[in-house]
Amino acid sequence: MRASRQWRLSALVTGAGGFIGHHLTSFLKAQGYWVRGADIKEPQFEPTQADDFVLGDLRQPSNCLAAATGVDEVYHLAATMGGIGFIEYNKSMIAHDNVIVDANMLEASHLAGVRRFFFASSACVYPPARLRTHDAAPLREEDAYPADPVDAYGWEKLYAERLCRHYREDFALETRVARFHSMYGPLGAYDGGREKAPAAICRKIARAHDGGSIEIWGDGEQTRTYCYIDDCVEGIHRLMQSRHHEPLNLGSDRLISINDLARLIAGVANKRLELEHIDGPEGVRGRGSDNSRMRSVLGWEPRVSLEEGMRRTYNWIARDIAIRDQQSSLIQHPSWSLHAPRSA
């Protein structure tokens, strides 16, 4: 029996313990879905709102089939990934794990009779050769071919896009594919090595003293577009309900350099900071999103401004750092009154 007999629709969100998956679970619940989450870990910062949460390794086909059974829609976001530093130095793990998980979830969804399948792809599918300048032309969906994506992560995502197409053509599984362009927001990792640039910069600024400095990899003139998490999950859902089955860009079309992003966040924090440029992975020189097709297909585009999104994100990260620092201080330096002997 499908869970949707008691609810309007039922959905599986893979990667529900991660940043986007956690937010998407909450969004779908607000839309009236019955939601099952699946991940190798639970959400880090707050409990999931999923009606059912399956802890399991999706590299195992049996776990994928169990998770997909009985739901109408699958939103597949589970992946081994991280920021540019993680992607650059963990290529074999990324390619190996993600190919297996994506193939397992498509096959499980087909066998379980899932109606629609969403795949979270990436702007990394676009050829770096097109992105050698900070003001490179915004990327259109057709620019992914001839294929030469970012090594490992981009190749795996592009292959999975084709796999979605083949399952649609061979088995009539209604697949939808969005190419994410740098999502950010509260409740995402901001340290540990897998954080993305906005979160890493927010962390550095939150820990910096007014008048001090923060480190930036490279010269900071590399450019990106950033999309706030609320717009991300709404865009995912709108695409899933549409009839569009070809890959679609999902992101903001406002291009900004890393230097200017750091200055914007420093302004939010009301701190005067110097930017210290050091050697480190930079990724492509410039990558922007052409949203013409998204506006045409969905009749919609992201609405949260970069200033507002970064304000929300920085304030959350700064608060969480303060809470964690306070907890750490209490553990290392417990109150003397708890241990002092009573006076005679």
Foldseek 3Di string as FASTA:
>chain_A
DAPCVVWVFEEEEEVCQADLNQVLQVVVVVVTYQYEYEYCDHHDPDHGPHPHYHHDQLLDLVSLLVRQARGQEYEYDDFPAFALQCCVPPQVVRLVRLLSNLVSNLVSNLVRVHQEYEDEAAPQLAALVQQAAQCRDADDLVRSPVTDGDHRRNVSRVVSLVVQVVCCVPRVRHYAYEHEFAEDFPSHDLDDGRYYLLSVLLLQLLPDDFVEAGEDADPQSAKGFYAYSVQVSVLRVLRRPFNDHHYAYAGDQDMDTRVVSSVLLCVLVVGHYHYHYDHDDDRRRHHGHDHPVVCVRRVDHGDQDPSRRSNRRSVNSSVVVVVVVVVVCCVVDPDPVVPDDDDD
